């Protein structure tokens, strides 16, 4: 737009000099042209839209241009860049007033340049062109404002979505840590407490058995330390770290949980194929949590882990011969087995599309069955 203004100004000055030999007004026209060019050059780079300085500059440019058009109608075409500059710098009403003023001067100038008599084209063409240009500019500006508002809304929505995702991620991490702590550290601490209590009771009468309990508690503490380091870094359980699969890990868990008062067995059925890491880790954690419930609340003497691999699913059963309970009854106060443990297991399985079934009755033991479909995991 600025380049067009200077080209139109130069062309108008050249036309004036070619059509009108140097006369008394020639010096004034040249001086006004140079002044208008210098004044216009000072404004566009420094004048910010809607600023007071920009409006003062535009008023000065329009005044000089008006005087120049009165002296030489050839400069009327310079109104086109001034029209768009006014639309950009002024409020809507002021801009429309300026457009009207510029159009009237252009019509008057073109009438002076035309042949004697009234020319309908010079009366209709400038207002029509000004109206079209103004309508297009205002429409484009409205579209730009709407686009800016839309972009602002999108950015705000993206920030809100990012904040929501951060909150959900924090809650998910808290849930993960709570389940990991319940199924590993809490279980290990409970085992250590029971072993140390047993060692304290037998220390005087049977020192060798007491020392065995202490050594077992130390081994559990070492295992729990490895578990803590791994789940903090979101790694697989320590029993799965060797790469042997879920069956050897469950067999090692059964051996570790077997104590003087509880015998834990393990049995595997079906094809010995590798399971997805998430499935193996979840089932191992469920087995750990279930055995913790058996040891702390069931009063059982025997427990069995059974891993069954089918074509479309894998099932882990944990059975015990303990006192059992009513699954539909409300959990007794302070009973973690039916408080945090089972919901945590269901949450693990739900994330994998699996289900948890608990069959139990008072005095008849408990069978916990966790199944995970495998077709969706391929």
Protein backbone atom coordinates (compact mmCIF):
# COMPACT_ATOMS: atom_id res chain seq x y z
CA UNK A 1 0.00 0.00 0.00
CA UNK A 2 2.82 2.41 0.82
CA UNK A 3 4.62 1.62 -2.44
CA UNK A 4 1.39 2.21 -4.35
CA UNK A 5 1.02 5.62 -2.71
CA UNK A 6 4.49 6.75 -3.80
CA UNK A 7 3.97 5.40 -7.33
CA UNK A 8 0.63 7.22 -7.66
CA UNK A 9 2.16 10.39 -6.24
CA UNK A 10 5.06 10.26 -8.72
CA UNK A 11 2.73 9.47 -11.64
CA UNK A 12 0.40 12.35 -10.70
CA UNK A 13 3.32 14.77 -10.49
CA UNK A 14 4.66 13.58 -13.87
CA UNK A 15 1.22 13.98 -15.47
CA UNK A 16 0.92 17.49 -14.05
CA UNK A 17 4.33 18.52 -15.35
CA UNK A 18 3.63 17.02 -18.78
CA UNK A 19 0.18 18.56 -19.16
CA UNK A 20 0.97 21.91 -17.62
CA UNK A 21 4.19 23.66 -18.54
CA UNK A 22 6.03 25.32 -15.74
CA UNK A 23 3.89 28.22 -14.56
CA UNK A 24 3.20 30.13 -11.41
CA UNK A 25 1.65 27.21 -9.55
CA UNK A 26 4.21 24.63 -10.70
CA UNK A 27 6.62 25.43 -7.88
CA UNK A 28 3.83 25.09 -5.32
CA UNK A 29 2.69 21.76 -6.70
CA UNK A 30 6.21 20.33 -6.68
CA UNK A 31 6.82 21.63 -3.15
CA UNK A 32 3.54 20.20 -1.89
CA UNK A 33 4.31 16.84 -3.58
CA UNK A 34 7.72 16.64 -1.90
CA UNK A 35 6.19 17.65 1.44
CA UNK A 36 3.45 15.04 1.11
CA UNK A 37 5.98 12.32 0.23
CA UNK A 38 8.20 13.24 3.18
CA UNK A 39 5.25 13.43 5.57
CA UNK A 40 3.87 10.10 4.41
CA UNK A 41 7.30 8.47 4.70
CA UNK A 42 7.55 9.54 8.35
CA UNK A 43 4.26 7.99 9.37
CA UNK A 44 3.63 4.34 8.42
CA UNK A 45 6.59 2.85 10.26
CA UNK A 46 6.06 4.77 13.47
CA UNK A 47 2.28 5.12 13.61
CA UNK A 48 0.65 2.22 15.40
CA UNK A 49 -3.00 1.42 14.65
CA UNK A 50 -5.53 3.28 16.83
CA UNK A 51 -2.81 5.44 18.39
CA UNK A 52 -3.17 9.19 18.83
CA UNK A 53 0.09 9.81 17.01
CA UNK A 54 -1.12 7.81 14.02
CA UNK A 55 -4.35 9.78 13.80
CA UNK A 56 -2.56 13.11 13.99
CA UNK A 57 -0.18 11.99 11.26
CA UNK A 58 -3.07 10.84 9.06
CA UNK A 59 -4.90 14.16 9.54
CA UNK A 60 -1.79 16.07 8.45
CA UNK A 61 -1.37 13.85 5.36
CA UNK A 62 -5.03 14.32 4.38
CA UNK A 63 -4.81 18.12 4.79
CA UNK A 64 -1.70 18.36 2.57
CA UNK A 65 -3.26 16.01 0.02
CA UNK A 66 -6.48 18.09 -0.01
CA UNK A 67 -4.56 21.29 -0.73
CA UNK A 68 -2.60 19.48 -3.43
CA UNK A 69 -5.80 18.18 -5.09
CA UNK A 70 -7.31 21.67 -5.11
CA UNK A 71 -4.16 22.94 -6.82
CA UNK A 72 -3.83 19.97 -9.21
CA UNK A 73 -6.70 17.48 -9.63
CA UNK A 74 -4.28 14.89 -11.03
CA UNK A 75 -3.31 13.91 -7.46
CA UNK A 76 -6.83 12.64 -6.69
CA UNK A 77 -5.83 9.01 -7.32
CA UNK A 78 -3.54 9.11 -4.26
CA UNK A 79 -6.77 8.86 -2.25
CA UNK A 80 -6.86 5.05 -2.70
CA UNK A 81 -3.94 4.30 -0.31
CA UNK A 82 -5.19 7.02 2.05
CA UNK A 83 -8.60 5.33 2.15
CA UNK A 84 -7.16 2.01 3.33
CA UNK A 85 -4.80 3.76 5.74
CA UNK A 86 -7.74 5.58 7.30
CA UNK A 87 -9.72 2.36 7.63
CA UNK A 88 -6.76 0.78 9.38
CA UNK A 89 -5.96 3.62 11.80
CA UNK A 90 -9.36 5.10 12.67
CA UNK A 91 -12.46 3.84 14.46
CA UNK A 92 -15.29 2.75 12.18
CA UNK A 93 -17.33 5.97 12.23
CA UNK A 94 -14.32 8.22 11.80
CA UNK A 95 -13.03 5.99 9.02
CA UNK A 96 -16.35 6.15 7.16
CA UNK A 97 -16.35 9.94 7.50
CA UNK A 98 -12.84 10.07 6.03
CA UNK A 99 -13.85 7.76 3.18
CA UNK A 100 -16.77 10.06 2.39
CA UNK A 101 -14.51 13.12 2.41
CA UNK A 102 -11.91 11.50 0.17
CA UNK A 103 -14.61 10.31 -2.24
CA UNK A 104 -16.10 13.80 -2.56
CA UNK A 105 -12.70 15.30 -3.36
CA UNK A 106 -12.00 12.56 -5.90
CA UNK A 107 -15.37 13.15 -7.62
CA UNK A 108 -14.72 16.90 -7.75
CA UNK A 109 -11.20 16.41 -9.09
CA UNK A 110 -12.32 14.00 -11.80
CA UNK A 111 -15.08 16.40 -12.85
CA UNK A 112 -12.48 19.12 -13.28
CA UNK A 113 -10.32 16.79 -15.39
CA UNK A 114 -13.24 15.64 -17.59
CA UNK A 115 -14.54 17.41 -20.62
CA UNK A 116 -16.87 20.33 -20.05
CA UNK A 117 -20.21 19.13 -18.83
CA UNK A 118 -21.44 16.58 -16.35
CA UNK A 119 -19.86 13.10 -16.64
CA UNK A 120 -22.07 10.39 -14.99
CA UNK A 121 -19.12 8.00 -14.75
CA UNK A 122 -17.12 10.36 -12.55
CA UNK A 123 -20.16 10.76 -10.31
CA UNK A 124 -20.89 7.05 -9.86
CA UNK A 125 -17.56 5.22 -10.22
CA UNK A 126 -15.59 6.74 -7.29
CA UNK A 127 -18.39 6.24 -4.69
CA UNK A 128 -19.03 2.69 -5.94
CA UNK A 129 -15.35 1.80 -5.79
CA UNK A 130 -15.01 3.38 -2.35
CA UNK A 131 -18.07 1.50 -1.07
CA UNK A 132 -16.80 -1.84 -2.37
CA UNK A 133 -13.30 -1.30 -0.99
CA UNK A 134 -14.67 -0.23 2.40
CA UNK A 135 -17.06 -3.18 2.61
CA UNK A 136 -14.33 -5.66 1.69
CA UNK A 137 -11.90 -4.17 4.19
CA UNK A 138 -14.43 -4.11 7.05
CA UNK A 139 -15.52 -7.66 6.31
CA UNK A 140 -11.91 -8.84 6.25
CA UNK A 141 -11.25 -7.08 9.55
CA UNK A 142 -14.30 -8.72 11.15
CA UNK A 143 -13.13 -12.09 9.89
CA UNK A 144 -9.67 -11.44 11.29
CA UNK A 145 -11.15 -10.47 14.66
CA UNK A 146 -13.25 -13.63 14.72
CA UNK A 147 -10.21 -15.68 13.80
CA UNK A 148 -8.19 -14.08 16.57
CA UNK A 149 -11.02 -14.78 19.04
CA UNK A 150 -11.20 -18.37 17.83
CA UNK A 151 -7.45 -18.81 18.18
CA UNK A 152 -7.62 -17.34 21.69
CA UNK A 153 -10.41 -19.77 22.57
CA UNK A 154 -8.43 -22.67 21.15
CA UNK A 155 -5.34 -21.67 23.11
CA UNK A 156 -7.41 -21.29 26.27
CA UNK A 157 -9.03 -24.68 25.67
CA UNK A 158 -5.65 -26.25 25.06
CA UNK A 159 -4.34 -24.80 28.31
CA UNK A 160 -7.41 -26.09 30.16
CA UNK A 161 -7.03 -29.50 28.54
CA UNK A 162 -3.35 -29.63 29.44
CA UNK A 163 -4.20 -28.73 33.04
CA UNK A 164 -6.88 -31.43 33.12
CA UNK A 165 -4.48 -33.99 31.69
CA UNK A 166 -1.89 -33.03 34.29
CA UNK A 167 -4.46 -33.46 37.06
CA UNK A 168 -5.58 -36.81 35.65
CA UNK A 169 -1.98 -37.90 35.29
CA UNK A 170 -1.30 -36.94 38.88
CA UNK A 171 -4.35 -38.88 40.10
CA UNK A 172 -3.39 -41.89 37.98
CA UNK A 173 0.13 -41.80 39.37
CA UNK A 174 -1.21 -41.57 42.90
CA UNK A 175 -3.46 -44.55 42.27
CA UNK A 176 -0.57 -46.50 40.77
CA UNK A 177 1.65 -45.76 43.73
CA UNK A 178 -1.09 -46.62 46.22
CA UNK A 179 -1.66 -50.00 44.54
CA UNK A 180 2.06 -50.69 44.31
CA UNK A 181 2.58 -49.80 47.96
CA UNK A 182 -0.36 -51.97 49.03
CA UNK A 183 0.70 -54.98 46.96
CA UNK A 184 4.43 -54.81 47.69
CA UNK A 185 5.65 -52.67 50.57
CA UNK A 186 2.60 -53.11 52.81
CA UNK A 187 2.65 -56.85 52.21
CA UNK A 188 6.35 -57.08 52.94
CA UNK A 189 6.11 -54.97 56.09
CA UNK A 190 3.24 -57.12 57.32
CA UNK A 191 5.28 -60.28 56.71
CA UNK A 192 8.28 -58.80 58.49
CA UNK A 193 6.12 -57.82 61.46
CA UNK A 194 4.67 -61.31 61.79
CA UNK A 195 8.09 -62.95 61.46
CA UNK A 196 9.67 -60.64 64.01
CA UNK A 197 6.79 -61.22 66.41
CA UNK A 198 7.26 -64.96 65.98
CA UNK A 199 11.00 -64.58 66.54
CA UNK A 200 10.35 -62.60 69.71
CA UNK A 201 8.07 -65.33 71.07
CA UNK A 202 10.54 -68.15 70.36
CA UNK A 203 13.79 -66.32 71.07
CA UNK A 204 14.34 -67.79 74.55
CA UNK A 205 12.95 -71.28 73.94
CA UNK A 206 14.12 -71.91 70.38
CA UNK A 207 16.90 -69.47 69.34
CA UNK A 208 17.56 -71.26 66.05
CA UNK A 209 13.93 -70.89 64.90
CA UNK A 210 13.98 -67.25 66.01
CA UNK A 211 17.11 -66.58 63.99
CA UNK A 212 15.48 -68.26 61.00
CA UNK A 213 12.51 -65.90 61.31
CA UNK A 214 14.85 -62.91 61.51
CA UNK A 215 16.79 -64.04 58.43
CA UNK A 216 13.53 -64.51 56.53
CA UNK A 217 12.39 -61.04 57.56
CA UNK A 218 15.71 -59.60 56.34
CA UNK A 219 15.29 -61.36 52.98
CA UNK A 220 11.78 -59.93 52.63
CA UNK A 221 13.12 -56.48 53.46
CA UNK A 222 15.76 -56.81 50.75
CA UNK A 223 13.13 -57.92 48.24
CA UNK A 224 10.87 -55.01 49.20
CA UNK A 225 13.73 -52.58 48.71
CA UNK A 226 14.19 -53.84 45.15
CA UNK A 227 10.44 -53.59 44.57
CA UNK A 228 10.35 -50.00 45.87
CA UNK A 229 13.15 -48.94 43.54
CA UNK A 230 11.43 -50.55 40.58
CA UNK A 231 7.91 -49.22 40.99
CA UNK A 232 9.24 -45.70 41.66
CA UNK A 233 10.76 -45.89 38.18
CA UNK A 234 7.62 -47.64 36.82
CA UNK A 235 9.52 -50.82 36.01
CA UNK A 236 8.30 -54.41 36.08
CA UNK A 237 8.14 -56.25 39.43
CA UNK A 238 11.44 -57.64 40.65
CA UNK A 239 10.26 -61.24 40.14
CA UNK A 240 9.67 -60.48 36.42
CA UNK A 241 12.98 -58.69 35.90
CA UNK A 242 14.83 -61.87 35.02
CA UNK A 243 12.72 -62.40 31.91
CA UNK A 244 11.46 -65.86 32.94
CA UNK A 245 7.81 -64.94 32.64
CA UNK A 246 4.84 -64.96 34.97
CA UNK A 247 4.84 -68.66 35.90
CA UNK A 248 8.36 -68.66 37.44
CA UNK A 249 7.56 -65.39 39.20
CA UNK A 250 4.40 -66.89 40.77
CA UNK A 251 6.32 -70.00 41.75
CA UNK A 252 8.96 -67.85 43.47
CA UNK A 253 6.20 -65.86 45.18
CA UNK A 254 4.58 -69.04 46.47
CA UNK A 255 7.90 -70.27 47.85
CA UNK A 256 8.58 -66.94 49.51
CA UNK A 257 5.14 -66.77 51.12
CA UNK A 258 5.34 -70.30 52.49
CA UNK A 259 6.02 -70.11 56.22
CA UNK A 260 5.54 -72.38 59.20
CA UNK A 261 1.84 -71.58 59.44
CA UNK A 262 0.94 -71.21 55.75
CA UNK A 263 1.77 -73.50 52.86
CA UNK A 264 1.42 -71.88 49.43
CA UNK A 265 1.44 -73.98 46.27
CA UNK A 266 1.59 -73.08 42.60
CA UNK A 267 0.23 -74.84 39.52
CA UNK A 268 0.22 -73.79 35.87
CA UNK A 269 -2.09 -75.08 33.14
CA UNK A 270 -2.20 -74.45 29.42
CA UNK A 271 0.41 -73.29 26.94
CA UNK A 272 3.55 -71.76 28.41
CA UNK A 273 3.54 -68.69 26.15
CA UNK A 274 4.83 -65.26 27.02
CA UNK A 275 2.25 -62.75 28.23
CA UNK A 276 2.29 -58.99 27.58
CA UNK A 277 4.35 -57.18 30.20
CA UNK A 278 1.38 -55.21 31.56
CA UNK A 279 -0.72 -58.36 31.95
CA UNK A 280 2.06 -60.29 33.68
CA UNK A 281 2.86 -57.39 36.01
CA UNK A 282 -0.81 -56.86 36.93
CA UNK A 283 -1.45 -60.56 37.67
CA UNK A 284 1.68 -60.81 39.78
CA UNK A 285 0.63 -57.76 41.81
CA UNK A 286 -2.84 -59.25 42.24
CA UNK A 287 -1.32 -62.50 43.48
CA UNK A 288 0.84 -60.60 45.96
CA UNK A 289 -2.14 -58.63 47.25
CA UNK A 290 -4.34 -61.72 47.49
CA UNK A 291 -1.72 -63.65 49.48
CA UNK A 292 -1.32 -60.64 51.77
CA UNK A 293 -5.06 -60.79 52.45
CA UNK A 294 -4.86 -64.54 53.07
CA UNK A 295 -2.01 -64.18 55.54
CA UNK A 296 -3.45 -61.22 57.44
CA UNK A 297 -7.18 -61.95 57.50
CA UNK A 298 -8.05 -65.49 56.40
CA UNK A 299 -6.36 -67.54 59.14
CA UNK A 300 -5.63 -70.17 56.46
CA UNK A 301 -3.10 -72.99 56.58
CA UNK A 302 -3.02 -73.71 52.86
CA UNK A 303 -3.28 -71.53 49.77
CA UNK A 304 -2.91 -72.28 46.07
CA UNK A 305 -2.01 -70.16 43.05
CA UNK A 306 -3.27 -71.50 39.72
CA UNK A 307 -2.34 -69.87 36.40
CA UNK A 308 -4.42 -71.03 33.44
CA UNK A 309 -3.54 -69.96 29.91
CA UNK A 310 -6.40 -70.32 27.40
CA UNK A 311 -6.60 -69.31 23.76
CA UNK A 312 -8.36 -66.02 24.40
CA UNK A 313 -7.63 -65.24 28.03
CA UNK A 314 -5.40 -65.92 31.01
CA UNK A 315 -6.87 -66.68 34.44
CA UNK A 316 -5.22 -66.50 37.85
CA UNK A 317 -6.96 -68.25 40.75
CA UNK A 318 -5.97 -67.73 44.38
CA UNK A 319 -7.69 -70.17 46.77
CA UNK A 320 -7.31 -70.65 50.53
CA UNK A 321 -8.89 -72.80 53.27
CA UNK A 322 -9.35 -69.91 55.68
CA UNK A 323 -12.35 -68.61 57.56
CA UNK A 324 -13.89 -66.98 54.50
CA UNK A 325 -16.26 -64.01 54.48
CA UNK A 326 -19.44 -62.72 52.89
CA UNK A 327 -18.44 -60.77 49.73
CA UNK A 328 -21.74 -58.86 49.74
CA UNK A 329 -21.34 -57.65 53.33
CA UNK A 330 -19.79 -54.30 54.20
CA UNK A 331 -16.09 -54.59 55.11
CA UNK A 332 -15.38 -54.52 58.82
CA UNK A 333 -13.63 -51.36 60.07
CA UNK A 334 -9.87 -51.56 59.58
CA UNK A 335 -10.08 -54.68 57.36
CA UNK A 336 -7.87 -53.86 54.43
CA UNK A 337 -8.55 -57.12 52.62
CA UNK A 338 -12.04 -56.02 51.69
CA UNK A 339 -11.24 -52.31 51.86
CA UNK A 340 -8.37 -51.20 49.61
CA UNK A 341 -7.10 -54.57 48.31
CA UNK A 342 -10.02 -55.74 46.19
CA UNK A 343 -10.78 -52.31 44.66
CA UNK A 344 -7.11 -51.99 43.72
CA UNK A 345 -7.22 -55.40 42.03
CA UNK A 346 -10.37 -54.49 40.13
CA UNK A 347 -8.76 -51.21 39.02
CA UNK A 348 -5.73 -53.07 37.68
CA UNK A 349 -7.91 -55.51 35.76
CA UNK A 350 -10.25 -52.82 34.45
CA UNK A 351 -7.28 -51.08 32.84
CA UNK A 352 -6.64 -54.31 30.91
CA UNK A 353 -10.28 -55.11 30.15
CA UNK A 354 -10.32 -57.92 32.70
CA UNK A 355 -12.62 -58.93 35.54
CA UNK A 356 -12.29 -60.05 39.16
CA UNK A 357 -14.52 -62.68 40.77
CA UNK A 358 -14.58 -63.48 44.48
CA UNK A 359 -16.30 -66.62 45.80
CA UNK A 360 -16.40 -67.04 49.54
CA UNK A 361 -18.63 -67.87 52.48
CA UNK A 362 -18.02 -67.82 56.23
CA UNK A 363 -16.09 -70.95 57.22
CA UNK A 364 -15.59 -72.21 53.65
CA UNK A 365 -12.48 -70.40 52.50
CA UNK A 366 -12.11 -68.01 49.55
CA UNK A 367 -11.43 -68.33 45.84
CA UNK A 368 -10.33 -65.21 43.99
CA UNK A 369 -10.30 -65.39 40.19
CA UNK A 370 -8.72 -62.74 37.95
CA UNK A 371 -9.15 -63.08 34.18
CA UNK A 372 -7.66 -60.92 31.42
CA UNK A 373 -8.63 -61.23 27.73
CA UNK A 374 -5.73 -61.65 25.35
CA UNK A 375 -7.27 -60.97 21.92
CA UNK A 376 -7.49 -57.22 22.56
CA UNK A 377 -3.86 -57.16 23.67
CA UNK A 378 -2.41 -58.54 20.44
